[in-house]
C-alpha cells in the first residue's frame, strides 16, 4: 500500500487562534505606522506665474539641462574610445596567438617522426627493435623457458640468430618455474635439453623484498613472503657465467630473452638478490632494454618478450602472445581456451576445477561460470569473462601442468654437431649437472596426480626482425589517420551547427518574417484539423448535440 501525504487539516480551535494572532499583528503594524507618520513625496510645484524674474529662472534651468546633456555625450564618447582601444588590444593578442599556433604546427610537422617514435614505445615494432639491441650487445644469451611447456617456449628464429651470428655468442637455456612441475618431469626435460644447449634448472622469486615490502611486513605481521621470495639455481647460474667470463678475460654482457610471462625479469631480480626490474602478472611489463650490474665482470640485459608469429597455432598464440587477455577480443580468448582444454587431460581438468563431466570446452566454461557465480542477467553464464580468467590462470603461475619431452630427439636444422660443440665449449657441464640435481632435490615438487598432463604444440615461431613487423605499424598509422578524420568531421559539424545558429538568429532578428511564417503555418496546417473537427461534429445529428445525457455525471 502506498503511503499517503500528511493531511493539512487543522482543528477549529487552532485555526481561530492563528487568525486572531494575524489580526493582532496587523493592528500593531498600523499603530506603529500612525506613530511614525506616513510622508508622501511632494511634487515640484514649479515657478509661480506671479514670481519676479520668471523668464530668467526658466532660461537658467534650460541651460542646466543642456550642460547635463553635453556631459552625458562626452562620457558616452569617452566610453566608446575606451572600447575601441580594448578591441584593438584584443585583435593584437589574437593575431599573436594565431602566429604562435602556426609556428607550433610547423614545429609539430618537423618533429612528427620523433613523436611517432615516442608513441610507438608500446608497439610490436619497438619490442623487436629492443630485442635486436639486446642480442647484438650480449656475449651470452639466456633463453628462459617455462618448465611446464619448455618446447613451446623455444623460438627457432632466436636460436638460429644466436648460433649463426658468427660472433662467438653463447646460448644457455634456463628452465624456470620448476616448482610447478613434477620432479621426474623436470629431470626428463633437463636430460633432453642438455644434449642441445647447456641447461640450468631455476626457480625464480616472484616477489622480491624491497623498502616498501619491509614497511608492509612491519605493519602487518601476518604477511609471509617466504614462498614467493625464495629462489633456487641462482648460485649455479652465477658460477657458470663467472667461469665463462674468466675464460674470456673481459667483462661479459648477458642478455635475458624469451616469450612473455616466462620470468625473465624475475630471474634478474633473483640473481641480483633484490628488486631491480619491474615484475607483473600482466604480459609485456618490460618494454625497453634495461641494464643491471651484478658485479664488475657481469652485466645483465633485460629485454621485452618475443613476439609470437600470427601463423602459429591457436594454442601457441594463447599461451605465448604478448596481447593481454583483458584487452584482446573475446573471440580470440575463447579460441585460445578451447585449444588449451583440448590439449589437456579431461579427467584432470575436472578434478582441478571440481566440475562434472563436459562434452566440449563451451560446456566446461558454462559449468565453471555457474560454479563461480559469474552470471549475466537472467542467470546466463558469463562465458567471455570466465574464459579470460581461465587464460590468466594458465599463463600465470596458478595452474600446475606439465608436458612430456618428445620420444625421439631430432635437433633443428640449424643445430649441427659442430654448433652444439661450440655452444657447450667454455662451460663445465659435469659441475652444471651436479648443481642442477641439487636444486631439483632441494625443491618441493607437485605430484603428477595433483597437476594436469598437457600436450605441447612444439616450438613457437617468433618475429625478431623489425622489417617483418609491418602490419602493426600500418595499423597504428591507420588509427592516427582515423583520429585526424574524426577531428576534421567534428570541426565540420561544429561549423554546420554555427551556420544553423546564425540562421536562427536571422529569423529572430526579422520578427516580420517570423510572424508571416507562423500565420502561414497556422492557416494551412490548421485547415486539416478544422476540417476533421467539422466533419466529426457534422456526423452527429442536431438532436444528439442538444440532448441531455442522464448516464453521465457532470461536476
Protein backbone atom coordinates (compact mmCIF):
# COMPACT_ATOMS: atom_id res chain seq x y z
CA UNK A 1 0.00 0.00 0.00
CA UNK A 2 1.24 3.47 -0.92
CA UNK A 3 1.94 5.95 1.88
CA UNK A 4 -0.45 8.95 1.81
CA UNK A 5 0.67 12.51 2.35
CA UNK A 6 0.06 14.05 5.76
CA UNK A 7 -3.25 15.95 5.96
CA UNK A 8 -3.17 19.76 6.24
CA UNK A 9 -6.48 19.96 8.08
CA UNK A 10 -6.44 21.72 11.43
CA UNK A 11 -8.78 21.77 14.37
CA UNK A 12 -11.09 24.84 14.60
CA UNK A 13 -9.51 25.95 17.89
CA UNK A 14 -6.03 26.03 16.31
CA UNK A 15 -7.22 27.77 13.12
CA UNK A 16 -9.08 30.52 15.03
CA UNK A 17 -6.08 31.05 17.27
CA UNK A 18 -3.82 31.60 14.23
CA UNK A 19 -6.31 34.03 12.65
CA UNK A 20 -6.51 36.01 15.92
CA UNK A 21 -2.70 36.32 16.08
CA UNK A 22 -2.60 37.57 12.48
CA UNK A 23 -5.24 40.23 13.24
CA UNK A 24 -3.29 41.39 16.31
CA UNK A 25 -0.12 41.65 14.28
CA UNK A 26 -1.80 43.76 11.56
CA UNK A 27 -3.25 46.07 14.24
CA UNK A 28 0.21 46.54 15.77
CA UNK A 29 1.74 47.37 12.39
CA UNK A 30 -0.96 50.00 11.70
CA UNK A 31 -0.39 51.67 15.12
CA UNK A 32 3.38 51.93 14.50
CA UNK A 33 2.78 53.43 11.04
CA UNK A 34 0.47 56.11 12.61
CA UNK A 35 3.11 57.00 15.20
CA UNK A 36 5.89 57.36 12.56
CA UNK A 37 3.69 59.33 10.20
CA UNK A 38 3.46 58.32 6.56
CA UNK A 39 5.03 61.09 4.37
CA UNK A 40 4.29 61.10 0.63
CA UNK A 41 6.86 62.59 -1.81
CA UNK A 42 5.81 66.15 -2.72
CA UNK A 43 5.66 67.19 -6.38
CA UNK A 44 7.68 70.17 -7.61
CA UNK A 45 5.11 72.99 -7.92
CA UNK A 46 7.28 74.87 -10.37
CA UNK A 47 7.76 78.66 -10.57
CA UNK A 48 4.59 80.57 -9.84
CA UNK A 49 3.40 82.93 -12.57
CA UNK A 50 3.42 85.95 -10.19
CA UNK A 51 7.13 85.41 -9.28
CA UNK A 52 9.61 88.10 -10.44
CA UNK A 53 12.36 87.15 -12.96
CA UNK A 54 10.40 84.06 -14.01
CA UNK A 55 11.82 84.09 -17.56
CA UNK A 56 15.44 84.31 -16.31
CA UNK A 57 14.93 81.39 -13.96
CA UNK A 58 13.46 79.27 -16.76
CA UNK A 59 16.40 80.16 -19.02
CA UNK A 60 18.86 79.07 -16.28
CA UNK A 61 17.01 75.76 -15.88
CA UNK A 62 17.24 75.10 -19.66
CA UNK A 63 20.96 75.90 -19.62
CA UNK A 64 21.46 73.43 -16.77
CA UNK A 65 19.65 70.76 -18.79
CA UNK A 66 21.87 71.43 -21.84
CA UNK A 67 25.04 71.16 -19.72
CA UNK A 68 23.90 67.83 -18.30
CA UNK A 69 23.21 66.51 -21.81
CA UNK A 70 26.65 67.68 -23.01
CA UNK A 71 28.30 65.93 -20.07
CA UNK A 72 26.42 62.73 -20.86
CA UNK A 73 27.51 62.88 -24.51
CA UNK A 74 31.15 63.45 -23.53
CA UNK A 75 31.04 60.47 -21.16
CA UNK A 76 29.49 58.40 -23.95
CA UNK A 77 32.30 59.35 -26.37
CA UNK A 78 34.97 58.53 -23.76
CA UNK A 79 33.41 55.11 -23.21
CA UNK A 80 33.37 54.43 -26.95
CA UNK A 81 37.07 55.38 -27.22
CA UNK A 82 37.95 53.01 -24.35
CA UNK A 83 36.00 50.19 -26.02
CA UNK A 84 37.87 50.81 -29.31
CA UNK A 85 41.24 50.68 -27.51
CA UNK A 86 40.27 47.38 -25.84
CA UNK A 87 39.16 45.94 -29.19
CA UNK A 88 42.49 46.87 -30.80
CA UNK A 89 44.43 45.25 -27.96
CA UNK A 90 42.34 42.08 -28.24
CA UNK A 91 42.88 41.99 -32.01
CA UNK A 92 46.67 42.25 -31.49
CA UNK A 93 46.56 39.43 -28.92
CA UNK A 94 44.52 37.23 -31.28
CA UNK A 95 46.99 37.86 -34.11
CA UNK A 96 49.89 36.87 -31.81
CA UNK A 97 48.14 33.65 -30.74
CA UNK A 98 47.40 32.77 -34.40
CA UNK A 99 51.09 33.24 -35.24
CA UNK A 100 52.13 31.07 -32.30
CA UNK A 101 49.72 28.34 -33.41
CA UNK A 102 51.08 28.46 -36.96
CA UNK A 103 54.66 28.19 -35.67
CA UNK A 104 53.63 25.32 -33.36
CA UNK A 105 52.05 23.45 -36.27
CA UNK A 106 55.23 23.87 -38.32
CA UNK A 107 57.39 22.58 -35.44
CA UNK A 108 54.90 19.71 -34.92
CA UNK A 109 55.21 18.82 -38.61
CA UNK A 110 59.02 18.76 -38.29
CA UNK A 111 59.06 16.67 -35.10
CA UNK A 112 56.28 14.29 -36.21
CA UNK A 113 58.74 11.45 -36.71
CA UNK A 114 60.11 11.87 -33.16
CA UNK A 115 56.64 11.89 -31.63
CA UNK A 116 55.73 8.78 -33.62
CA UNK A 117 58.75 7.02 -32.18
CA UNK A 118 57.67 8.01 -28.67
CA UNK A 119 54.11 6.90 -29.31
CA UNK A 120 55.39 3.62 -30.76
CA UNK A 121 57.02 2.63 -27.47
CA UNK A 122 54.29 0.06 -26.78
CA UNK A 123 54.16 -1.27 -30.36
CA UNK A 124 55.42 -4.65 -31.55
CA UNK A 125 57.96 -2.99 -33.83
CA UNK A 126 59.65 -1.24 -30.89
CA UNK A 127 59.75 -4.57 -28.99
CA UNK A 128 61.59 -6.13 -31.95
CA UNK A 129 64.00 -3.18 -32.03
CA UNK A 130 64.79 -3.54 -28.33
CA UNK A 131 65.22 -7.32 -28.65
CA UNK A 132 67.72 -6.94 -31.51
CA UNK A 133 69.64 -4.40 -29.39
CA UNK A 134 69.92 -6.97 -26.58
CA UNK A 135 71.00 -9.76 -28.96
CA UNK A 136 73.66 -7.56 -30.60
CA UNK A 137 75.05 -6.26 -27.28
CA UNK A 138 75.17 -9.56 -25.36
CA UNK A 139 78.04 -12.11 -25.27
CA UNK A 140 75.86 -14.78 -23.61
CA UNK A 141 72.15 -15.17 -24.30
CA UNK A 142 69.88 -16.78 -21.69
CA UNK A 143 66.73 -18.20 -23.30
CA UNK A 144 64.18 -18.55 -20.50
CA UNK A 145 61.77 -21.49 -20.79
CA UNK A 146 58.66 -22.26 -18.76
CA UNK A 147 59.24 -25.75 -17.25
CA UNK A 148 55.55 -26.59 -17.80
CA UNK A 149 55.96 -26.32 -21.60
CA UNK A 150 59.68 -25.94 -22.47
CA UNK A 151 59.29 -26.91 -26.12
CA UNK A 152 56.50 -24.35 -26.61
CA UNK A 153 58.75 -21.61 -25.14
CA UNK A 154 61.59 -22.24 -27.56
CA UNK A 155 61.89 -19.86 -30.52
CA UNK A 156 63.76 -21.37 -33.52
CA UNK A 157 64.32 -17.92 -35.11
CA UNK A 158 66.05 -16.65 -31.95
CA UNK A 159 68.21 -19.74 -31.56
CA UNK A 160 69.23 -19.59 -35.23
CA UNK A 161 70.08 -15.88 -34.95
CA UNK A 162 72.39 -16.54 -31.95
CA UNK A 163 74.04 -19.74 -33.20
CA UNK A 164 74.59 -18.47 -36.77
CA UNK A 165 75.71 -14.93 -35.81
CA UNK A 166 79.41 -15.81 -36.19
CA UNK A 167 80.40 -13.60 -33.24
CA UNK A 168 81.17 -16.42 -30.77
CA UNK A 169 77.92 -15.83 -28.84
CA UNK A 170 76.77 -18.49 -26.39
CA UNK A 171 73.21 -19.64 -25.77
CA UNK A 172 72.13 -21.08 -22.39
CA UNK A 173 68.65 -22.47 -21.69
CA UNK A 174 67.17 -21.56 -18.29
CA UNK A 175 64.37 -23.92 -17.22
CA UNK A 176 62.33 -21.63 -14.96
CA UNK A 177 59.28 -22.43 -12.73
CA UNK A 178 60.46 -25.97 -11.94
CA UNK A 179 58.47 -25.86 -8.67
CA UNK A 180 55.22 -26.15 -10.72
CA UNK A 181 56.22 -29.43 -12.40
CA UNK A 182 56.68 -32.99 -11.01
CA UNK A 183 60.23 -33.97 -10.15
CA UNK A 184 60.51 -36.80 -12.71
CA UNK A 185 59.31 -34.49 -15.49
CA UNK A 186 61.97 -31.86 -14.65
CA UNK A 187 64.72 -34.49 -14.77
CA UNK A 188 63.47 -35.76 -18.14
CA UNK A 189 63.48 -32.26 -19.63
CA UNK A 190 66.98 -31.49 -18.28
CA UNK A 191 68.22 -34.71 -19.84
CA UNK A 192 66.56 -33.85 -23.16
CA UNK A 193 67.67 -30.19 -23.40
CA UNK A 194 71.29 -30.58 -22.25
CA UNK A 195 72.03 -32.57 -25.45
CA UNK A 196 71.48 -29.38 -27.49
CA UNK A 197 72.40 -26.45 -25.19
CA UNK A 198 73.74 -26.00 -21.63
CA UNK A 199 70.60 -26.02 -19.43
CA UNK A 200 70.16 -24.59 -15.92
CA UNK A 201 67.28 -25.60 -13.59
CA UNK A 202 65.88 -22.49 -11.92
CA UNK A 203 63.14 -21.34 -9.57
CA UNK A 204 62.91 -17.53 -9.55
CA UNK A 205 61.50 -15.35 -6.79
CA UNK A 206 58.13 -13.96 -7.87
CA UNK A 207 58.17 -11.19 -5.22
CA UNK A 208 61.42 -9.68 -4.02
CA UNK A 209 61.63 -7.72 -0.76
CA UNK A 210 62.39 -4.01 -1.07
CA UNK A 211 61.83 -0.97 1.19
CA UNK A 212 58.09 -0.93 0.53
CA UNK A 213 57.79 -4.63 1.34
CA UNK A 214 59.69 -4.15 4.60
CA UNK A 215 57.21 -1.44 5.64
CA UNK A 216 54.29 -3.72 4.80
CA UNK A 217 55.73 -6.58 6.85
CA UNK A 218 56.27 -4.26 9.81
CA UNK A 219 52.66 -3.06 9.70
CA UNK A 220 51.07 -6.44 9.00
CA UNK A 221 52.87 -9.22 10.85
CA UNK A 222 50.81 -11.98 9.22
CA UNK A 223 52.10 -11.25 5.66
CA UNK A 224 54.53 -14.03 4.68
CA UNK A 225 56.89 -13.72 1.72
CA UNK A 226 58.84 -16.92 2.43
CA UNK A 227 57.49 -18.86 -0.56
CA UNK A 228 57.39 -16.01 -3.06
CA UNK A 229 60.84 -14.60 -2.18
CA UNK A 230 62.66 -17.97 -2.29
CA UNK A 231 64.81 -18.68 -5.34
CA UNK A 232 66.89 -21.72 -6.35
CA UNK A 233 69.55 -22.17 -9.03
CA UNK A 234 70.93 -18.62 -8.83
CA UNK A 235 74.30 -19.74 -7.43
CA UNK A 236 74.66 -22.32 -10.20
CA UNK A 237 73.88 -19.80 -12.95
CA UNK A 238 76.14 -17.09 -11.45
CA UNK A 239 79.01 -19.56 -11.15
CA UNK A 240 78.52 -20.66 -14.76
CA UNK A 241 78.59 -17.05 -16.04
CA UNK A 242 81.59 -16.05 -13.89
CA UNK A 243 83.62 -19.07 -15.07
CA UNK A 244 82.86 -18.21 -18.69
CA UNK A 245 83.84 -14.57 -18.01
CA UNK A 246 87.23 -15.71 -16.68
CA UNK A 247 87.91 -17.67 -19.87
CA UNK A 248 87.14 -14.57 -21.97
CA UNK A 249 89.32 -12.25 -19.81
CA UNK A 250 86.79 -9.43 -20.08
CA UNK A 251 83.51 -8.19 -18.61
CA UNK A 252 80.63 -10.01 -20.28
CA UNK A 253 77.11 -8.85 -21.07
CA UNK A 254 74.34 -11.40 -20.56
CA UNK A 255 71.06 -10.91 -22.42
CA UNK A 256 67.89 -12.47 -20.97
CA UNK A 257 65.33 -13.27 -23.68
CA UNK A 258 62.16 -15.33 -24.06
CA UNK A 259 58.43 -15.21 -24.66
CA UNK A 260 56.18 -13.11 -22.39
CA UNK A 261 55.45 -14.30 -18.84
CA UNK A 262 58.25 -16.89 -18.65
CA UNK A 263 60.02 -15.00 -15.83
CA UNK A 264 62.88 -13.05 -17.47
CA UNK A 265 62.81 -10.08 -15.08
CA UNK A 266 62.26 -12.38 -12.09
CA UNK A 267 65.47 -14.27 -12.94
CA UNK A 268 67.46 -11.00 -13.00
CA UNK A 269 65.93 -9.99 -9.64
CA UNK A 270 66.85 -13.41 -8.19
CA UNK A 271 70.44 -13.12 -9.42
CA UNK A 272 70.72 -9.57 -8.06
CA UNK A 273 69.08 -10.53 -4.74
CA UNK A 274 66.72 -7.56 -4.78
CA UNK A 275 64.04 -5.97 -6.95
CA UNK A 276 65.98 -4.39 -9.84
CA UNK A 277 63.40 -4.89 -12.63
CA UNK A 278 59.64 -4.38 -12.67
CA UNK A 279 57.65 -7.61 -12.46
CA UNK A 280 53.92 -8.19 -13.03
CA UNK A 281 51.30 -10.81 -13.85
CA UNK A 282 50.28 -8.88 -16.97
CA UNK A 283 52.16 -9.60 -20.19
CA UNK A 284 54.54 -7.06 -21.69
CA UNK A 285 55.60 -5.25 -18.47
CA UNK A 286 59.18 -4.83 -19.79
CA UNK A 287 59.07 -2.55 -22.84
CA UNK A 288 62.67 -1.35 -23.17
CA UNK A 289 66.17 -2.75 -22.73
CA UNK A 290 67.31 -2.44 -19.11
CA UNK A 291 70.83 -2.97 -17.76
CA UNK A 292 71.50 -4.43 -14.30
CA UNK A 293 75.06 -4.77 -12.94
CA UNK A 294 75.57 -7.98 -10.95
CA UNK A 295 79.31 -7.34 -10.38
CA UNK A 296 82.28 -5.84 -12.20
CA UNK A 297 82.52 -8.75 -14.63
CA UNK A 298 78.83 -9.45 -15.45
CA UNK A 299 76.13 -7.12 -16.69
CA UNK A 300 72.54 -8.35 -17.25
CA UNK A 301 70.37 -7.01 -20.08
CA UNK A 302 66.61 -7.34 -19.65
CA UNK A 303 64.52 -7.39 -22.84
CA UNK A 304 60.83 -7.28 -23.85
CA UNK A 305 59.12 -10.54 -24.78
CA UNK A 306 59.50 -12.19 -28.18
CA UNK A 307 56.50 -11.52 -30.45
CA UNK A 308 54.72 -14.73 -31.46
CA UNK A 309 54.15 -15.04 -35.22
CA UNK A 310 50.46 -14.95 -36.26
CA UNK A 311 51.00 -18.14 -38.29
CA UNK A 312 51.30 -20.18 -35.04
CA UNK A 313 48.53 -22.42 -33.76
CA UNK A 314 45.74 -21.07 -31.52
CA UNK A 315 47.34 -22.82 -28.51
CA UNK A 316 50.74 -21.16 -29.07
CA UNK A 317 49.16 -17.73 -29.60
CA UNK A 318 47.03 -18.08 -26.45
CA UNK A 319 49.97 -19.01 -24.19
CA UNK A 320 52.83 -17.07 -25.81
CA UNK A 321 51.19 -13.98 -27.33
CA UNK A 322 52.06 -10.54 -25.92
CA UNK A 323 48.36 -9.46 -26.00
CA UNK A 324 46.77 -9.29 -22.58
CA UNK A 325 43.53 -11.33 -22.15
CA UNK A 326 41.79 -8.32 -20.63
CA UNK A 327 42.41 -6.17 -23.71
CA UNK A 328 42.10 -8.76 -26.50
CA UNK A 329 38.98 -9.77 -28.41
CA UNK A 330 36.63 -12.26 -26.73
CA UNK A 331 36.68 -14.44 -29.86
CA UNK A 332 40.48 -14.89 -29.70
CA UNK A 333 40.31 -15.62 -25.95
CA UNK A 334 37.60 -18.26 -26.43
CA UNK A 335 39.58 -19.86 -29.26
CA UNK A 336 42.69 -19.95 -27.07
CA UNK A 337 40.84 -21.52 -24.11
CA UNK A 338 39.28 -24.12 -26.43
CA UNK A 339 42.75 -25.07 -27.70
CA UNK A 340 44.14 -25.33 -24.12
CA UNK A 341 41.26 -27.56 -22.90
CA UNK A 342 41.53 -29.79 -26.00
CA UNK A 343 45.27 -30.32 -25.32
CA UNK A 344 44.75 -31.36 -21.67
CA UNK A 345 43.65 -34.48 -19.83
CA UNK A 346 39.87 -34.13 -19.40
CA UNK A 347 39.66 -36.03 -16.08
CA UNK A 348 42.48 -33.97 -14.52
CA UNK A 349 40.79 -30.73 -15.61
CA UNK A 350 37.54 -31.93 -13.98
CA UNK A 351 39.44 -32.81 -10.80
CA UNK A 352 41.30 -29.49 -10.69
CA UNK A 353 38.25 -27.26 -11.27
CA UNK A 354 35.91 -29.59 -9.34
CA UNK A 355 33.23 -29.67 -12.06
CA UNK A 356 31.17 -32.53 -13.57
CA UNK A 357 31.75 -34.15 -16.95
CA UNK A 358 31.54 -31.89 -20.01
CA UNK A 359 31.25 -32.59 -23.73
CA UNK A 360 33.11 -29.58 -25.17
CA UNK A 361 35.08 -26.52 -23.95
CA UNK A 362 31.98 -24.27 -24.16
CA UNK A 363 30.12 -26.53 -21.74
CA UNK A 364 33.22 -26.54 -19.48
CA UNK A 365 33.20 -22.71 -19.41
CA UNK A 366 29.45 -22.53 -18.69
CA UNK A 367 29.78 -25.05 -15.82
CA UNK A 368 32.75 -23.16 -14.36
CA UNK A 369 30.88 -19.83 -14.64
CA UNK A 370 27.88 -21.30 -12.79
CA UNK A 371 30.14 -22.72 -10.09
CA UNK A 372 31.96 -19.41 -9.54
CA UNK A 373 28.77 -17.33 -9.74
CA UNK A 374 29.78 -15.42 -12.86
CA UNK A 375 26.32 -14.95 -14.37
CA UNK A 376 24.65 -12.30 -16.52
CA UNK A 377 21.03 -11.13 -16.32
CA UNK A 378 18.57 -14.00 -16.29
CA UNK A 379 21.16 -16.47 -14.89
CA UNK A 380 23.02 -16.78 -18.24
CA UNK A 381 26.69 -17.87 -17.71
CA UNK A 382 29.23 -15.11 -18.48
CA UNK A 383 31.42 -17.19 -20.80
CA UNK A 384 33.59 -14.29 -22.04
CA UNK A 385 34.81 -13.20 -18.60
CA UNK A 386 35.31 -16.76 -17.32
CA UNK A 387 37.37 -17.52 -20.45
CA UNK A 388 39.62 -14.52 -19.67
CA UNK A 389 40.03 -15.79 -16.08
CA UNK A 390 40.96 -19.31 -17.25
CA UNK A 391 43.52 -17.92 -19.72
CA UNK A 392 45.08 -15.75 -16.97
CA UNK A 393 45.36 -18.83 -14.74
CA UNK A 394 47.15 -20.82 -17.45
CA UNK A 395 49.58 -18.05 -18.46
CA UNK A 396 50.34 -17.19 -14.83
CA UNK A 397 51.73 -19.47 -12.11
CA UNK A 398 48.40 -20.70 -10.68
CA UNK A 399 47.87 -23.96 -12.57
CA UNK A 400 50.42 -26.76 -12.27
CA UNK A 401 50.60 -28.59 -15.59
CA UNK A 402 53.38 -30.48 -17.34
CA UNK A 403 54.25 -31.74 -20.82
CA UNK A 404 56.35 -34.73 -21.78
CA UNK A 405 59.55 -34.33 -23.87
CA UNK A 406 59.46 -35.84 -27.39
CA UNK A 407 60.26 -39.56 -27.55
CA UNK A 408 62.68 -39.20 -30.45
CA UNK A 409 65.20 -36.35 -30.25
CA UNK A 410 65.83 -34.70 -33.61
CA UNK A 411 67.80 -31.41 -33.37
CA UNK A 412 66.64 -28.49 -35.56
CA UNK A 413 68.28 -27.94 -38.98
CA UNK A 414 70.41 -25.03 -37.70
CA UNK A 415 71.91 -27.17 -34.89
CA UNK A 416 74.65 -29.35 -36.30
CA UNK A 417 77.08 -31.36 -34.13
CA UNK A 418 79.70 -28.67 -34.67
CA UNK A 419 77.34 -25.92 -33.49
CA UNK A 420 76.34 -27.95 -30.40
CA UNK A 421 80.03 -28.41 -29.53
CA UNK A 422 80.64 -24.66 -29.98
CA UNK A 423 77.74 -23.78 -27.66
CA UNK A 424 78.96 -26.17 -24.95
CA UNK A 425 82.57 -25.01 -25.18
CA UNK A 426 83.82 -22.97 -22.20
CA UNK A 427 81.34 -24.44 -19.68
CA UNK A 428 81.93 -27.09 -17.01
CA UNK A 429 78.99 -29.38 -17.91
CA UNK A 430 79.69 -32.03 -15.24
CA UNK A 431 79.59 -29.44 -12.49
CA UNK A 432 76.43 -27.94 -14.03
CA UNK A 433 74.69 -31.33 -13.99
CA UNK A 434 75.55 -31.82 -10.32
CA UNK A 435 74.27 -28.35 -9.38
CA UNK A 436 71.03 -28.96 -11.30
CA UNK A 437 70.39 -32.22 -9.43
CA UNK A 438 70.97 -30.38 -6.12
CA UNK A 439 68.43 -27.65 -6.99
CA UNK A 440 65.86 -30.25 -8.10
CA UNK A 441 66.32 -32.18 -4.85
CA UNK A 442 66.06 -29.04 -2.68
CA UNK A 443 62.64 -28.03 -4.05
CA UNK A 444 59.16 -29.30 -3.24
CA UNK A 445 57.51 -30.57 -6.41
CA UNK A 446 53.81 -31.34 -7.02
CA UNK A 447 52.76 -34.92 -7.57
CA UNK A 448 51.63 -35.99 -11.08
CA UNK A 449 48.12 -36.65 -9.68
CA UNK A 450 47.72 -33.03 -8.49
CA UNK A 451 48.98 -31.50 -11.77
CA UNK A 452 47.44 -31.58 -15.26
CA UNK A 453 49.02 -33.51 -18.15
CA UNK A 454 49.43 -31.20 -21.14
CA UNK A 455 50.21 -31.94 -24.80
CA UNK A 456 52.68 -29.40 -26.21
CA UNK A 457 52.26 -27.92 -29.69
CA UNK A 458 56.02 -27.83 -30.35
CA UNK A 459 58.29 -24.85 -30.93
CA UNK A 460 56.67 -21.42 -31.28
CA UNK A 461 57.72 -19.25 -34.22
CA UNK A 462 58.61 -15.68 -33.35
CA UNK A 463 59.36 -12.46 -35.26
CA UNK A 464 62.71 -10.95 -34.34
CA UNK A 465 63.46 -8.73 -37.35
CA UNK A 466 61.86 -5.29 -37.27
CA UNK A 467 61.23 -5.25 -41.03
CA UNK A 468 58.90 -8.24 -40.81
CA UNK A 469 56.55 -6.46 -38.40
CA UNK A 470 54.77 -4.22 -40.92
CA UNK A 471 51.10 -4.87 -40.10
CA UNK A 472 51.25 -3.45 -36.58
CA UNK A 473 52.86 -0.18 -37.76
CA UNK A 474 50.35 0.29 -40.55
CA UNK A 475 47.51 -0.34 -38.09
CA UNK A 476 48.95 2.32 -35.78
CA UNK A 477 49.13 4.80 -38.69
CA UNK A 478 45.55 3.94 -39.67
CA UNK A 479 44.49 4.67 -36.10
CA UNK A 480 46.21 8.08 -36.31
CA UNK A 481 44.54 8.91 -39.65
CA UNK A 482 41.17 7.82 -38.27
CA UNK A 483 41.61 10.15 -35.27
CA UNK A 484 42.52 13.06 -37.59
CA UNK A 485 39.47 12.33 -39.81
CA UNK A 486 37.21 12.21 -36.75
CA UNK A 487 38.59 15.56 -35.57
CA UNK A 488 38.02 17.11 -39.02
CA UNK A 489 34.45 15.75 -39.18
CA UNK A 490 33.78 17.12 -35.68
CA UNK A 491 35.03 20.56 -36.74
CA UNK A 492 32.81 20.44 -39.86
CA UNK A 493 29.82 19.50 -37.70
CA UNK A 494 30.59 22.43 -35.41
CA UNK A 495 30.70 24.79 -38.42
CA UNK A 496 27.34 23.45 -39.62
CA UNK A 497 25.88 23.95 -36.17
CA UNK A 498 27.20 27.52 -36.11
CA UNK A 499 25.59 28.18 -39.51
CA UNK A 500 22.28 26.83 -38.20
CA UNK A 501 22.57 29.10 -35.17
CA UNK A 502 23.19 32.07 -37.45
CA UNK A 503 20.09 31.20 -39.47
CA UNK A 504 18.05 31.01 -36.28
CA UNK A 505 19.42 34.36 -35.16
CA UNK A 506 18.48 35.86 -38.53
CA UNK A 507 14.94 34.63 -38.12
CA UNK A 508 14.78 36.06 -34.64
CA UNK A 509 16.13 39.38 -35.87
CA UNK A 510 13.38 39.52 -38.55
CA UNK A 511 10.17 39.41 -36.50
CA UNK A 512 8.04 40.21 -39.53
CA UNK A 513 9.25 37.11 -41.34
CA UNK A 514 8.66 35.00 -38.22
CA UNK A 515 5.11 36.32 -37.88
CA UNK A 516 4.39 35.65 -41.56
CA UNK A 517 5.70 32.05 -41.25
CA UNK A 518 3.68 31.48 -38.09
CA UNK A 519 0.48 32.80 -39.70
CA UNK A 520 1.18 30.66 -42.78
CA UNK A 521 1.61 27.54 -40.61
CA UNK A 522 -1.49 28.37 -38.63
CA UNK A 523 -3.63 28.95 -41.74
CA UNK A 524 -2.50 25.94 -43.77
CA UNK A 525 -1.75 23.34 -41.08
CA UNK A 526 -4.85 24.16 -39.07
CA UNK A 527 -7.22 23.63 -42.01
CA UNK A 528 -6.95 19.87 -41.80
CA UNK A 529 -7.57 19.84 -38.07
CA UNK A 530 -10.54 22.16 -38.50
CA UNK A 531 -11.95 20.08 -41.33
CA UNK A 532 -11.55 16.96 -39.19
CA UNK A 533 -13.32 18.63 -36.27
CA UNK A 534 -16.06 19.92 -38.56
CA UNK A 535 -16.57 16.54 -40.17
CA UNK A 536 -16.65 14.92 -36.75
CA UNK A 537 -19.27 17.38 -35.49
CA UNK A 538 -21.33 17.20 -38.71
CA UNK A 539 -21.58 13.40 -38.39
CA UNK A 540 -23.64 13.83 -35.23
CA UNK A 541 -27.30 14.80 -35.66
CA UNK A 542 -28.63 18.03 -34.15
CA UNK A 543 -30.84 16.22 -31.67
CA UNK A 544 -27.88 14.40 -30.13
CA UNK A 545 -25.97 17.64 -29.62
CA UNK A 546 -28.80 19.35 -27.75
CA UNK A 547 -29.96 16.24 -25.93
CA UNK A 548 -29.00 15.79 -22.25
CA UNK A 549 -27.29 12.52 -21.41
CA UNK A 550 -28.51 11.29 -17.99
CA UNK A 551 -25.94 8.48 -17.85
CA UNK A 552 -23.02 10.87 -17.39
CA UNK A 553 -22.21 12.74 -14.19
CA UNK A 554 -21.46 16.42 -14.56
CA UNK A 555 -19.40 18.08 -11.90
